[in-house]
Amino acid sequence: MISKPEAAPTVRHDWSVAQAEVLLATPFHDLLADANAAHREYFDPHVVEAAILLSVKTGACPEDCAYCPQSVSSDTGLDPERLMATDEIVDAARNAKAASATRFCMGAAWRSPTDRQVEEMANAVAGVKALGMETCVTLGMLSADQAVTLEQAGLDFYNHNLDTSPEFYGKIITTRTYQDRLDTLANVRTTSVKLCAGGIVGMGESRRDRAALLAQLASLDPHPESVPINVLVQVPGTPLHGTDPFDPLELVRTIAAARLMMPRSVVRLSAGRTDMSDELQALCLHAGANSIFLGDKLLTTDNPQPQHDHTLLGRLDTQLAP
């Protein structure tokens, strides 16, 4: 564990969009100073959590998410693959543990899995859990009964991102509503499984949209235990390819605001790191991010090489969580 539970800064669940927007507009150095102070209240600033994400069922997803190369609506040349066998998944988790990851995340490109598919994933969760690793899956929309099945297998985290604000959402996805996503989060909360829920920046949204996303996440009680902040990876053949580049310092502001609004949550600097300088990543960690994905792939997109991450963390006098 990387948290320091003895401290207790104020935790709120009543952030308005306007308040979040004001927070994002705080003078940069003041915002980072406040976020770093809040981060130190609950976490060791010299420790970063490491997870590895594996695509266990790739492509042919019926959703039309404009950012996703796995959507059937995108023309990316991605070859669909069936669900991996449980022993293959467990072998991959064993390799992830050897590479210093403490959490193994499994992603399947489904809109909503069948009960049989959930049972198969539950077997994989149990196998990975037996290795002594934390487990996380992202399978799409989930019923309350399916959440219980995964809970009984020993699942630690369920990932289901809100992606963006309710107002901007319809410009990114039309095959699933915002309420569908909130319902899945609520179904997981009927169990002891923790939530991993965040969003994507750089999709052409406004700062107010980013504020609204953070306000949505911070309104959840309790807050998601893990909050991934992804930067759009522009893949040729997806509708968002060609979107204007995202201001890197706006990413730092978003992470700092997430840290202040959800001080107990682990904030993960997720997709898009291959296009970030070491200096930008260092700023994000200073602003309150304290988790990264190791491995050279995030589902189907590139991720920094593990040796580069180890070297960067060493330069920052930061270690991976045991």
C-alpha atoms as a PDB file:
ATOM      1  CA  MET A   1       0.000   0.000   0.000  1.00  0.00           C
ATOM      2  CA  ILE A   2       1.168   3.525  -0.722  1.00  0.00           C
ATOM      3  CA  SER A   3      -1.311   5.527   1.330  1.00  0.00           C
ATOM      4  CA  LYS A   4      -0.673   7.261   4.647  1.00  0.00           C
ATOM      5  CA  PRO A   5      -4.098   7.103   6.349  1.00  0.00           C
ATOM      6  CA  GLU A   6      -3.181   8.952   9.541  1.00  0.00           C
ATOM      7  CA  ALA A   7      -3.760  12.409   8.007  1.00  0.00           C
ATOM      8  CA  ALA A   8      -7.190  13.751   7.212  1.00  0.00           C
ATOM      9  CA  PRO A   9      -7.597  16.753   4.892  1.00  0.00           C
ATOM     10  CA  THR A  10     -11.148  17.695   4.064  1.00  0.00           C
ATOM     11  CA  VAL A  11     -12.882  15.259   1.721  1.00  0.00           C
ATOM     12  CA  ARG A  12     -15.878  16.714  -0.110  1.00  0.00           C
ATOM     13  CA  HIS A  13     -18.562  15.268  -2.340  1.00  0.00           C
ATOM     14  CA  ASP A  14     -20.335  18.545  -3.128  1.00  0.00           C
ATOM     15  CA  TRP A  15     -18.026  20.102  -5.729  1.00  0.00           C
ATOM     16  CA  SER A  16     -19.944  22.120  -8.296  1.00  0.00           C
ATOM     17  CA  VAL A  17     -18.804  22.429 -11.894  1.00  0.00           C
ATOM     18  CA  ALA A  18     -18.214  26.139 -11.331  1.00  0.00           C
ATOM     19  CA  GLN A  19     -16.016  25.459  -8.309  1.00  0.00           C
ATOM     20  CA  ALA A  20     -14.023  22.864 -10.223  1.00  0.00           C
ATOM     21  CA  GLU A  21     -13.576  25.319 -13.088  1.00  0.00           C
ATOM     22  CA  VAL A  22     -12.282  27.979 -10.693  1.00  0.00           C
ATOM     23  CA  LEU A  23      -9.873  25.414  -9.264  1.00  0.00           C
ATOM     24  CA  LEU A  24      -8.540  24.587 -12.741  1.00  0.00           C
ATOM     25  CA  ALA A  25      -7.995  28.316 -13.351  1.00  0.00           C
ATOM     26  CA  THR A  26      -5.965  28.816 -10.151  1.00  0.00           C
ATOM     27  CA  PRO A  27      -2.553  30.402 -10.872  1.00  0.00           C
ATOM     28  CA  PHE A  28      -0.345  27.524 -11.961  1.00  0.00           C
ATOM     29  CA  HIS A  29       2.268  27.600  -9.206  1.00  0.00           C
ATOM     30  CA  ASP A  30      -0.357  28.058  -6.482  1.00  0.00           C
ATOM     31  CA  LEU A  31      -2.387  25.154  -7.875  1.00  0.00           C
ATOM     32  CA  LEU A  32       0.636  22.839  -7.915  1.00  0.00           C
ATOM     33  CA  ALA A  33       1.722  23.883  -4.427  1.00  0.00           C
ATOM     34  CA  ASP A  34      -1.739  23.159  -3.029  1.00  0.00           C
ATOM     35  CA  ALA A  35      -2.014  19.848  -4.885  1.00  0.00           C
ATOM     36  CA  ASN A  36       1.433  18.685  -3.770  1.00  0.00           C
ATOM     37  CA  ALA A  37       0.613  19.565  -0.163  1.00  0.00           C
ATOM     38  CA  ALA A  38      -2.652  17.625  -0.340  1.00  0.00           C
ATOM     39  CA  HIS A  39      -0.851  14.698  -1.945  1.00  0.00           C
ATOM     40  CA  ARG A  40       1.641  14.535   0.917  1.00  0.00           C
ATOM     41  CA  GLU A  41      -1.182  14.364   3.462  1.00  0.00           C
ATOM     42  CA  TYR A  42      -2.252  10.922   2.271  1.00  0.00           C
ATOM     43  CA  PHE A  43       0.619   9.524   0.207  1.00  0.00           C
ATOM     44  CA  ASP A  44       4.353   9.169   0.192  1.00  0.00           C
ATOM     45  CA  PRO A  45       5.425  11.532  -2.637  1.00  0.00           C
ATOM     46  CA  HIS A  46       8.440   9.306  -3.359  1.00  0.00           C
ATOM     47  CA  VAL A  47       6.404   6.188  -4.135  1.00  0.00           C
ATOM     48  CA  VAL A  48       4.478   5.382  -7.325  1.00  0.00           C
ATOM     49  CA  GLU A  49       2.143   2.446  -7.856  1.00  0.00           C
ATOM     50  CA  ALA A  50       2.755   0.303 -10.943  1.00  0.00           C
ATOM     51  CA  ALA A  51       0.144  -1.649 -12.881  1.00  0.00           C
ATOM     52  CA  ILE A  52       0.225  -3.567 -16.137  1.00  0.00           C
ATOM     53  CA  LEU A  53      -2.746  -3.644 -18.521  1.00  0.00           C
ATOM     54  CA  LEU A  54      -3.405  -6.566 -20.857  1.00  0.00           C
ATOM     55  CA  SER A  55      -6.000  -6.747 -23.636  1.00  0.00           C
ATOM     56  CA  VAL A  56      -7.500 -10.189 -23.030  1.00  0.00           C
ATOM     57  CA  LYS A  57     -10.122  -9.831 -25.775  1.00  0.00           C
ATOM     58  CA  THR A  58      -9.286  -7.415 -28.565  1.00  0.00           C
ATOM     59  CA  GLY A  59     -11.356  -5.591 -31.198  1.00  0.00           C
ATOM     60  CA  ALA A  60     -14.808  -5.922 -32.754  1.00  0.00           C
ATOM     61  CA  CYS A  61     -16.431  -3.792 -30.051  1.00  0.00           C
ATOM     62  CA  PRO A  62     -19.943  -2.636 -31.080  1.00  0.00           C
ATOM     63  CA  GLU A  63     -19.578   0.704 -29.283  1.00  0.00           C
ATOM     64  CA  ASP A  64     -18.780   3.783 -31.386  1.00  0.00           C
ATOM     65  CA  CYS A  65     -16.376   5.540 -28.972  1.00  0.00           C
ATOM     66  CA  ALA A  66     -14.656   8.081 -31.240  1.00  0.00           C
ATOM     67  CA  TYR A  67     -11.268   7.637 -29.560  1.00  0.00           C
ATOM     68  CA  CYS A  68     -11.110   3.843 -29.655  1.00  0.00           C
ATOM     69  CA  PRO A  69      -9.242   1.771 -32.275  1.00  0.00           C
ATOM     70  CA  GLN A  70     -11.153  -1.328 -31.104  1.00  0.00           C
ATOM     71  CA  SER A  71     -14.532   0.007 -32.214  1.00  0.00           C
ATOM     72  CA  VAL A  72     -16.157  -1.572 -35.271  1.00  0.00           C
ATOM     73  CA  SER A  73     -16.861   2.025 -36.321  1.00  0.00           C
ATOM     74  CA  SER A  74     -13.132   2.710 -36.706  1.00  0.00           C
ATOM     75  CA  ASP A  75     -11.010   1.693 -39.682  1.00  0.00           C
ATOM     76  CA  THR A  76      -7.680   1.008 -37.997  1.00  0.00           C
ATOM     77  CA  GLY A  77      -6.792  -2.374 -39.491  1.00  0.00           C
ATOM     78  CA  LEU A  78      -6.919  -3.981 -36.054  1.00  0.00           C
ATOM     79  CA  ASP A  79      -7.477  -7.736 -36.225  1.00  0.00           C
ATOM     80  CA  PRO A  80     -10.086  -8.949 -33.700  1.00  0.00           C
ATOM     81  CA  GLU A  81      -8.956 -11.627 -31.249  1.00  0.00           C
ATOM     82  CA  ARG A  82     -10.977 -13.997 -29.100  1.00  0.00           C
ATOM     83  CA  LEU A  83     -10.834 -14.055 -25.320  1.00  0.00           C
ATOM     84  CA  MET A  84      -7.494 -15.411 -24.144  1.00  0.00           C
ATOM     85  CA  ALA A  85      -7.403 -18.689 -22.248  1.00  0.00           C
ATOM     86  CA  THR A  86      -7.172 -18.405 -18.471  1.00  0.00           C
ATOM     87  CA  ASP A  87      -3.730 -20.009 -18.302  1.00  0.00           C
ATOM     88  CA  GLU A  88      -2.404 -17.506 -20.873  1.00  0.00           C
ATOM     89  CA  ILE A  89      -3.752 -14.609 -18.812  1.00  0.00           C
ATOM     90  CA  VAL A  90      -2.212 -15.971 -15.611  1.00  0.00           C
ATOM     91  CA  ASP A  91       1.136 -16.484 -17.345  1.00  0.00           C
ATOM     92  CA  ALA A  92       1.050 -12.847 -18.485  1.00  0.00           C
ATOM     93  CA  ALA A  93       0.276 -11.763 -14.927  1.00  0.00           C
ATOM     94  CA  ARG A  94       3.215 -13.784 -13.649  1.00  0.00           C
ATOM     95  CA  ASN A  95       5.479 -11.920 -16.070  1.00  0.00           C
ATOM     96  CA  ALA A  96       3.942  -8.616 -14.978  1.00  0.00           C
ATOM     97  CA  LYS A  97       4.736  -9.383 -11.357  1.00  0.00           C
ATOM     98  CA  ALA A  98       8.325 -10.173 -12.305  1.00  0.00           C
ATOM     99  CA  ALA A  99       8.450  -6.751 -13.997  1.00  0.00           C
ATOM    100  CA  SER A 100       7.569  -5.027 -10.668  1.00  0.00           C
ATOM    101  CA  ALA A 101       3.830  -4.520 -11.274  1.00  0.00           C
ATOM    102  CA  THR A 102       1.659  -4.895  -8.186  1.00  0.00           C
ATOM    103  CA  ARG A 103      -1.688  -4.702 -10.002  1.00  0.00           C
ATOM    104  CA  PHE A 104      -2.709  -6.643 -13.097  1.00  0.00           C
ATOM    105  CA  CYS A 105      -5.457  -5.101 -15.196  1.00  0.00           C
ATOM    106  CA  MET A 106      -7.407  -7.065 -17.801  1.00  0.00           C
ATOM    107  CA  GLY A 107      -9.408  -5.353 -20.538  1.00  0.00           C
ATOM    108  CA  ALA A 108     -11.966  -6.934 -22.860  1.00  0.00           C
ATOM    109  CA  ALA A 109     -13.567  -5.094 -25.777  1.00  0.00           C
ATOM    110  CA  TRP A 110     -17.198  -5.826 -24.946  1.00  0.00           C
ATOM    111  CA  ARG A 111     -20.209  -3.539 -24.746  1.00  0.00           C
ATOM    112  CA  SER A 112     -21.665  -5.675 -21.967  1.00  0.00           C
ATOM    113  CA  PRO A 113     -20.384  -9.184 -21.212  1.00  0.00           C
ATOM    114  CA  THR A 114     -22.637 -12.221 -20.967  1.00  0.00           C
ATOM    115  CA  ASP A 115     -22.835 -14.130 -17.699  1.00  0.00           C
ATOM    116  CA  ARG A 116     -20.716 -16.886 -19.250  1.00  0.00           C
ATOM    117  CA  GLN A 117     -18.035 -14.378 -20.243  1.00  0.00           C
ATOM    118  CA  VAL A 118     -18.051 -12.948 -16.731  1.00  0.00           C
ATOM    119  CA  GLU A 119     -17.578 -16.456 -15.330  1.00  0.00           C
ATOM    120  CA  GLU A 120     -14.551 -16.927 -17.596  1.00  0.00           C
ATOM    121  CA  MET A 121     -13.105 -13.638 -16.423  1.00  0.00           C
ATOM    122  CA  ALA A 122     -13.809 -14.612 -12.820  1.00  0.00           C
ATOM    123  CA  ASN A 123     -11.627 -17.691 -13.322  1.00  0.00           C
ATOM    124  CA  ALA A 124      -8.843 -15.468 -14.652  1.00  0.00           C
ATOM    125  CA  VAL A 125      -9.230 -13.088 -11.707  1.00  0.00           C
ATOM    126  CA  ALA A 126      -8.927 -15.971  -9.251  1.00  0.00           C
ATOM    127  CA  GLY A 127      -5.799 -17.214 -11.020  1.00  0.00           C
ATOM    128  CA  VAL A 128      -4.121 -13.817 -10.965  1.00  0.00           C
ATOM    129  CA  LYS A 129      -5.165 -13.219  -7.366  1.00  0.00           C
ATOM    130  CA  ALA A 130      -3.449 -16.476  -6.397  1.00  0.00           C
ATOM    131  CA  LEU A 131      -0.160 -14.922  -7.543  1.00  0.00           C
ATOM    132  CA  GLY A 132      -0.484 -12.297  -4.817  1.00  0.00           C
ATOM    133  CA  MET A 133      -1.317  -9.425  -7.178  1.00  0.00           C
ATOM    134  CA  GLU A 134      -4.119  -6.892  -7.067  1.00  0.00           C
ATOM    135  CA  THR A 135      -6.629  -7.496  -9.835  1.00  0.00           C
ATOM    136  CA  CYS A 136      -8.580  -5.103 -12.043  1.00  0.00           C
ATOM    137  CA  VAL A 137     -10.847  -5.737 -15.024  1.00  0.00           C
ATOM    138  CA  THR A 138     -12.653  -3.527 -17.520  1.00  0.00           C
ATOM    139  CA  LEU A 139     -15.383  -5.384 -19.387  1.00  0.00           C
ATOM    140  CA  GLY A 140     -17.966  -2.745 -20.282  1.00  0.00           C
ATOM    141  CA  MET A 141     -21.383  -2.376 -18.711  1.00  0.00           C
ATOM    142  CA  LEU A 142     -21.947  -4.689 -15.762  1.00  0.00           C
ATOM    143  CA  SER A 143     -25.047  -5.844 -13.890  1.00  0.00           C
ATOM    144  CA  ALA A 144     -25.175  -6.053 -10.105  1.00  0.00           C
ATOM    145  CA  ASP A 145     -25.205  -9.869 -10.237  1.00  0.00           C
ATOM    146  CA  GLN A 146     -22.166  -9.905 -12.510  1.00  0.00           C
ATOM    147  CA  ALA A 147     -20.367  -7.598 -10.105  1.00  0.00           C
ATOM    148  CA  VAL A 148     -21.048 -10.104  -7.316  1.00  0.00           C
ATOM    149  CA  THR A 149     -19.594 -12.913  -9.444  1.00  0.00           C
ATOM    150  CA  LEU A 150     -16.375 -10.961  -9.875  1.00  0.00           C
ATOM    151  CA  GLU A 151     -16.321 -10.001  -6.201  1.00  0.00           C
ATOM    152  CA  GLN A 152     -16.552 -13.658  -5.210  1.00  0.00           C
ATOM    153  CA  ALA A 153     -13.582 -14.436  -7.463  1.00  0.00           C
ATOM    154  CA  GLY A 154     -11.497 -11.920  -5.509  1.00  0.00           C
ATOM    155  CA  LEU A 155     -11.588  -8.912  -7.831  1.00  0.00           C
ATOM    156  CA  ASP A 156     -10.053  -5.797  -6.299  1.00  0.00           C
ATOM    157  CA  PHE A 157     -10.927  -3.082  -8.844  1.00  0.00           C
ATOM    158  CA  TYR A 158     -13.414  -2.583 -11.658  1.00  0.00           C
ATOM    159  CA  ASN A 159     -12.492   0.027 -14.259  1.00  0.00           C
ATOM    160  CA  HIS A 160     -15.259   1.958 -15.969  1.00  0.00           C
ATOM    161  CA  ASN A 161     -14.381   5.484 -17.078  1.00  0.00           C
ATOM    162  CA  LEU A 162     -16.859   8.328 -17.454  1.00  0.00           C
ATOM    163  CA  ASP A 163     -14.597   9.644 -20.250  1.00  0.00           C
ATOM    164  CA  THR A 164     -15.757  13.278 -20.243  1.00  0.00           C
ATOM    165  CA  SER A 165     -18.509  15.648 -19.112  1.00  0.00           C
ATOM    166  CA  PRO A 166     -22.209  14.792 -19.542  1.00  0.00           C
ATOM    167  CA  GLU A 167     -22.525  17.724 -21.959  1.00  0.00           C
ATOM    168  CA  PHE A 168     -19.644  16.696 -24.237  1.00  0.00           C
ATOM    169  CA  TYR A 169     -20.287  12.964 -24.001  1.00  0.00           C
ATOM    170  CA  GLY A 170     -22.707  12.762 -26.933  1.00  0.00           C
ATOM    171  CA  LYS A 171     -20.020  14.091 -29.283  1.00  0.00           C
ATOM    172  CA  ILE A 172     -17.791  11.152 -28.390  1.00  0.00           C
ATOM    173  CA  ILE A 173     -20.170   8.202 -27.904  1.00  0.00           C
ATOM    174  CA  THR A 174     -23.742   7.551 -29.066  1.00  0.00           C
ATOM    175  CA  THR A 175     -24.147   3.823 -28.384  1.00  0.00           C
ATOM    176  CA  ARG A 176     -24.098   4.102 -24.594  1.00  0.00           C
ATOM    177  CA  THR A 177     -25.523   6.858 -22.394  1.00  0.00           C
ATOM    178  CA  TYR A 178     -23.822   8.666 -19.555  1.00  0.00           C
ATOM    179  CA  GLN A 179     -26.385   7.167 -17.205  1.00  0.00           C
ATOM    180  CA  ASP A 180     -25.392   3.690 -18.411  1.00  0.00           C
ATOM    181  CA  ARG A 181     -21.896   4.402 -17.162  1.00  0.00           C
ATOM    182  CA  LEU A 182     -23.119   5.740 -13.814  1.00  0.00           C
ATOM    183  CA  ASP A 183     -25.361   2.682 -13.428  1.00  0.00           C
ATOM    184  CA  THR A 184     -22.391   0.343 -13.882  1.00  0.00           C
ATOM    185  CA  LEU A 185     -20.438   2.249 -11.231  1.00  0.00           C
ATOM    186  CA  ALA A 186     -23.444   1.957  -8.906  1.00  0.00           C
ATOM    187  CA  ASN A 187     -23.703  -1.790  -9.570  1.00  0.00           C
ATOM    188  CA  VAL A 188     -20.058  -2.276  -8.639  1.00  0.00           C
ATOM    189  CA  ARG A 189     -20.589  -0.241  -5.462  1.00  0.00           C
ATOM    190  CA  THR A 190     -23.114  -2.838  -4.259  1.00  0.00           C
ATOM    191  CA  THR A 191     -20.072  -5.082  -3.696  1.00  0.00           C
ATOM    192  CA  SER A 192     -16.724  -4.700  -1.943  1.00  0.00           C
ATOM    193  CA  VAL A 193     -14.960  -4.220  -5.299  1.00  0.00           C
ATOM    194  CA  LYS A 194     -13.207  -0.851  -5.537  1.00  0.00           C
ATOM    195  CA  LEU A 195     -13.791   1.585  -8.391  1.00  0.00           C
ATOM    196  CA  CYS A 196     -11.288   2.693 -10.989  1.00  0.00           C
ATOM    197  CA  ALA A 197     -13.009   5.548 -12.833  1.00  0.00           C
ATOM    198  CA  GLY A 198     -11.573   8.537 -14.635  1.00  0.00           C
ATOM    199  CA  GLY A 199     -11.591  10.082 -18.076  1.00  0.00           C
ATOM    200  CA  ILE A 200      -9.814  11.228 -21.207  1.00  0.00           C
ATOM    201  CA  VAL A 201      -8.553  14.720 -21.973  1.00  0.00           C
ATOM    202  CA  GLY A 202      -7.509  16.169 -25.303  1.00  0.00           C
ATOM    203  CA  MET A 203     -10.628  15.104 -27.238  1.00  0.00           C
ATOM    204  CA  GLY A 204     -11.549  18.670 -28.152  1.00  0.00           C
ATOM    205  CA  GLU A 205     -13.428  19.314 -24.918  1.00  0.00           C
ATOM    206  CA  SER A 206     -13.362  22.655 -23.085  1.00  0.00           C
ATOM    207  CA  ARG A 207     -11.873  23.363 -19.691  1.00  0.00           C
ATOM    208  CA  ARG A 208     -15.435  23.499 -18.378  1.00  0.00           C
ATOM    209  CA  ASP A 209     -15.953  19.963 -19.674  1.00  0.00           C
ATOM    210  CA  ARG A 210     -12.895  18.823 -17.751  1.00  0.00           C
ATOM    211  CA  ALA A 211     -14.257  20.578 -14.675  1.00  0.00           C
ATOM    212  CA  ALA A 212     -17.603  18.818 -15.139  1.00  0.00           C
ATOM    213  CA  LEU A 213     -15.896  15.420 -15.448  1.00  0.00           C
ATOM    214  CA  LEU A 214     -13.968  15.987 -12.217  1.00  0.00           C
ATOM    215  CA  ALA A 215     -17.120  17.234 -10.463  1.00  0.00           C
ATOM    216  CA  GLN A 216     -18.955  14.055 -11.533  1.00  0.00           C
ATOM    217  CA  LEU A 217     -16.186  11.838 -10.204  1.00  0.00           C
ATOM    218  CA  ALA A 218     -15.856  13.826  -6.980  1.00  0.00           C
ATOM    219  CA  SER A 219     -19.620  13.637  -6.390  1.00  0.00           C
ATOM    220  CA  LEU A 220     -19.384   9.867  -5.994  1.00  0.00           C
ATOM    221  CA  ASP A 221     -19.448   8.812  -2.348  1.00  0.00           C
ATOM    222  CA  PRO A 222     -16.986   7.348  -1.691  1.00  0.00           C
ATOM    223  CA  HIS A 223     -14.705   8.727  -4.376  1.00  0.00           C
ATOM    224  CA  PRO A 224     -13.278   6.208  -6.842  1.00  0.00           C
ATOM    225  CA  GLU A 225     -10.288   4.582  -5.194  1.00  0.00           C
ATOM    226  CA  SER A 226      -8.382   4.909  -8.473  1.00  0.00           C
ATOM    227  CA  VAL A 227      -8.750   7.806 -10.941  1.00  0.00           C
ATOM    228  CA  PRO A 228      -6.976   7.337 -14.299  1.00  0.00           C
ATOM    229  CA  ILE A 229      -6.367  10.489 -16.315  1.00  0.00           C
ATOM    230  CA  ASN A 230      -5.787   9.558 -19.958  1.00  0.00           C
ATOM    231  CA  VAL A 231      -4.596  11.818 -22.764  1.00  0.00           C
ATOM    232  CA  LEU A 232      -6.132  11.035 -26.145  1.00  0.00           C
ATOM    233  CA  VAL A 233      -3.899   8.803 -28.240  1.00  0.00           C
ATOM    234  CA  GLN A 234      -4.708   9.761 -31.809  1.00  0.00           C
ATOM    235  CA  VAL A 235      -4.925   6.580 -33.858  1.00  0.00           C
ATOM    236  CA  PRO A 236      -5.332   6.871 -37.652  1.00  0.00           C
ATOM    237  CA  GLY A 237      -8.745   5.561 -38.646  1.00  0.00           C
ATOM    238  CA  THR A 238     -10.518   6.755 -35.512  1.00  0.00           C
ATOM    239  CA  PRO A 239     -12.891   9.759 -35.725  1.00  0.00           C
ATOM    240  CA  LEU A 240     -10.754  11.829 -33.336  1.00  0.00           C
ATOM    241  CA  HIS A 241      -7.576  11.426 -35.358  1.00  0.00           C
ATOM    242  CA  GLY A 242      -6.469  14.925 -36.327  1.00  0.00           C
ATOM    243  CA  THR A 243      -7.852  16.616 -33.202  1.00  0.00           C
ATOM    244  CA  ASP A 244      -5.884  19.720 -32.208  1.00  0.00           C
ATOM    245  CA  PRO A 245      -2.968  18.904 -29.862  1.00  0.00           C
ATOM    246  CA  PHE A 246      -3.699  19.186 -26.159  1.00  0.00           C
ATOM    247  CA  ASP A 247      -1.890  21.771 -24.031  1.00  0.00           C
ATOM    248  CA  PRO A 248       0.459  19.738 -21.793  1.00  0.00           C
ATOM    249  CA  LEU A 249       0.153  22.186 -18.905  1.00  0.00           C
ATOM    250  CA  GLU A 250      -3.631  21.742 -19.001  1.00  0.00           C
ATOM    251  CA  LEU A 251      -2.982  18.069 -18.245  1.00  0.00           C
ATOM    252  CA  VAL A 252      -0.950  19.085 -15.202  1.00  0.00           C
ATOM    253  CA  ARG A 253      -3.780  21.362 -14.071  1.00  0.00           C
ATOM    254  CA  THR A 254      -6.295  18.534 -14.486  1.00  0.00           C
ATOM    255  CA  ILE A 255      -4.221  16.155 -12.393  1.00  0.00           C
ATOM    256  CA  ALA A 256      -3.672  18.782  -9.702  1.00  0.00           C
ATOM    257  CA  ALA A 257      -7.407  19.496  -9.539  1.00  0.00           C
ATOM    258  CA  ALA A 258      -8.174  15.769  -9.341  1.00  0.00           C
ATOM    259  CA  ARG A 259      -5.755  15.451  -6.434  1.00  0.00           C
ATOM    260  CA  LEU A 260      -7.369  18.352  -4.568  1.00  0.00           C
ATOM    261  CA  MET A 261     -10.933  17.220  -5.241  1.00  0.00           C
ATOM    262  CA  MET A 262     -10.295  13.526  -4.460  1.00  0.00           C
ATOM    263  CA  PRO A 263      -7.372  13.614  -2.024  1.00  0.00           C
ATOM    264  CA  ARG A 264      -7.587   9.970  -0.938  1.00  0.00           C
ATOM    265  CA  SER A 265      -7.745   8.551  -4.472  1.00  0.00           C
ATOM    266  CA  VAL A 266      -4.793   7.143  -6.358  1.00  0.00           C
ATOM    267  CA  VAL A 267      -4.476   9.286  -9.489  1.00  0.00           C
ATOM    268  CA  ARG A 268      -3.015   7.398 -12.422  1.00  0.00           C
ATOM    269  CA  LEU A 269      -1.126   9.067 -15.246  1.00  0.00           C
ATOM    270  CA  SER A 270      -2.393   6.709 -17.924  1.00  0.00           C
ATOM    271  CA  ALA A 271      -2.616   6.729 -21.730  1.00  0.00           C
ATOM    272  CA  GLY A 272      -0.595   9.135 -23.823  1.00  0.00           C
ATOM    273  CA  ARG A 273       2.706   9.002 -21.968  1.00  0.00           C
ATOM    274  CA  THR A 274       4.685   8.052 -25.075  1.00  0.00           C
ATOM    275  CA  ASP A 275       4.119  11.602 -26.338  1.00  0.00           C
ATOM    276  CA  MET A 276       5.043  13.234 -23.016  1.00  0.00           C
ATOM    277  CA  SER A 277       8.475  14.548 -22.164  1.00  0.00           C
ATOM    278  CA  ASP A 278      10.149  13.381 -18.990  1.00  0.00           C
ATOM    279  CA  GLU A 279       9.730  16.893 -17.640  1.00  0.00           C
ATOM    280  CA  LEU A 280       5.963  16.835 -18.234  1.00  0.00           C
ATOM    281  CA  GLN A 281       5.635  13.478 -16.494  1.00  0.00           C
ATOM    282  CA  ALA A 282       7.667  14.804 -13.580  1.00  0.00           C
ATOM    283  CA  LEU A 283       5.294  17.774 -13.287  1.00  0.00           C
ATOM    284  CA  CYS A 284       2.301  15.427 -13.317  1.00  0.00           C
ATOM    285  CA  LEU A 285       3.802  13.352 -10.506  1.00  0.00           C
ATOM    286  CA  HIS A 286       4.546  16.532  -8.559  1.00  0.00           C
ATOM    287  CA  ALA A 287       0.925  17.624  -9.077  1.00  0.00           C
ATOM    288  CA  GLY A 288      -0.406  14.477  -7.446  1.00  0.00           C
ATOM    289  CA  ALA A 289      -0.301  11.577  -9.892  1.00  0.00           C
ATOM    290  CA  ASN A 290       1.020   8.517  -8.084  1.00  0.00           C
ATOM    291  CA  SER A 291       0.376   5.579 -10.384  1.00  0.00           C
ATOM    292  CA  ILE A 292       1.476   4.590 -13.883  1.00  0.00           C
ATOM    293  CA  PHE A 293       1.118   1.661 -16.247  1.00  0.00           C
ATOM    294  CA  LEU A 294       4.263  -0.302 -16.970  1.00  0.00           C
ATOM    295  CA  GLY A 295       4.700  -2.348 -20.141  1.00  0.00           C
ATOM    296  CA  ASP A 296       5.062  -1.360 -23.773  1.00  0.00           C
ATOM    297  CA  LYS A 297       1.322  -1.625 -24.567  1.00  0.00           C
ATOM    298  CA  LEU A 298      -1.913  -0.213 -23.129  1.00  0.00           C
ATOM    299  CA  LEU A 299      -4.496  -2.514 -24.686  1.00  0.00           C
ATOM    300  CA  THR A 300      -3.603  -1.736 -28.337  1.00  0.00           C
ATOM    301  CA  THR A 301      -1.689   1.561 -28.090  1.00  0.00           C
ATOM    302  CA  ASP A 302       1.948   2.180 -27.240  1.00  0.00           C
ATOM    303  CA  ASN A 303       3.296   2.840 -23.760  1.00  0.00           C
ATOM    304  CA  PRO A 304       6.843   3.839 -22.723  1.00  0.00           C
ATOM    305  CA  GLN A 305       9.368   1.029 -22.479  1.00  0.00           C
ATOM    306  CA  PRO A 306       9.700  -0.260 -18.884  1.00  0.00           C
ATOM    307  CA  GLN A 307      13.409   0.557 -18.688  1.00  0.00           C
ATOM    308  CA  HIS A 308      12.658   4.180 -19.561  1.00  0.00           C
ATOM    309  CA  ASP A 309      10.115   4.367 -16.729  1.00  0.00           C
ATOM    310  CA  HIS A 310      12.547   2.850 -14.230  1.00  0.00           C
ATOM    311  CA  THR A 311      15.242   5.294 -15.320  1.00  0.00           C
ATOM    312  CA  LEU A 312      12.890   8.283 -15.080  1.00  0.00           C
ATOM    313  CA  LEU A 313      11.663   7.299 -11.612  1.00  0.00           C
ATOM    314  CA  GLY A 314      15.268   6.877 -10.515  1.00  0.00           C
ATOM    315  CA  ARG A 315      16.070  10.388 -11.715  1.00  0.00           C
ATOM    316  CA  LEU A 316      13.116  11.628  -9.661  1.00  0.00           C
ATOM    317  CA  ASP A 317      14.271   9.758  -6.515  1.00  0.00           C
ATOM    318  CA  THR A 318      11.012   7.830  -6.687  1.00  0.00           C
ATOM    319  CA  GLN A 319      10.451   4.136  -6.168  1.00  0.00           C
ATOM    320  CA  LEU A 320       7.724   1.695  -7.168  1.00  0.00           C
ATOM    321  CA  ALA A 321       5.334   0.555  -4.466  1.00  0.00           C
ATOM    322  CA  PRO A 322       6.305  -2.888  -3.104  1.00  0.00           C
END
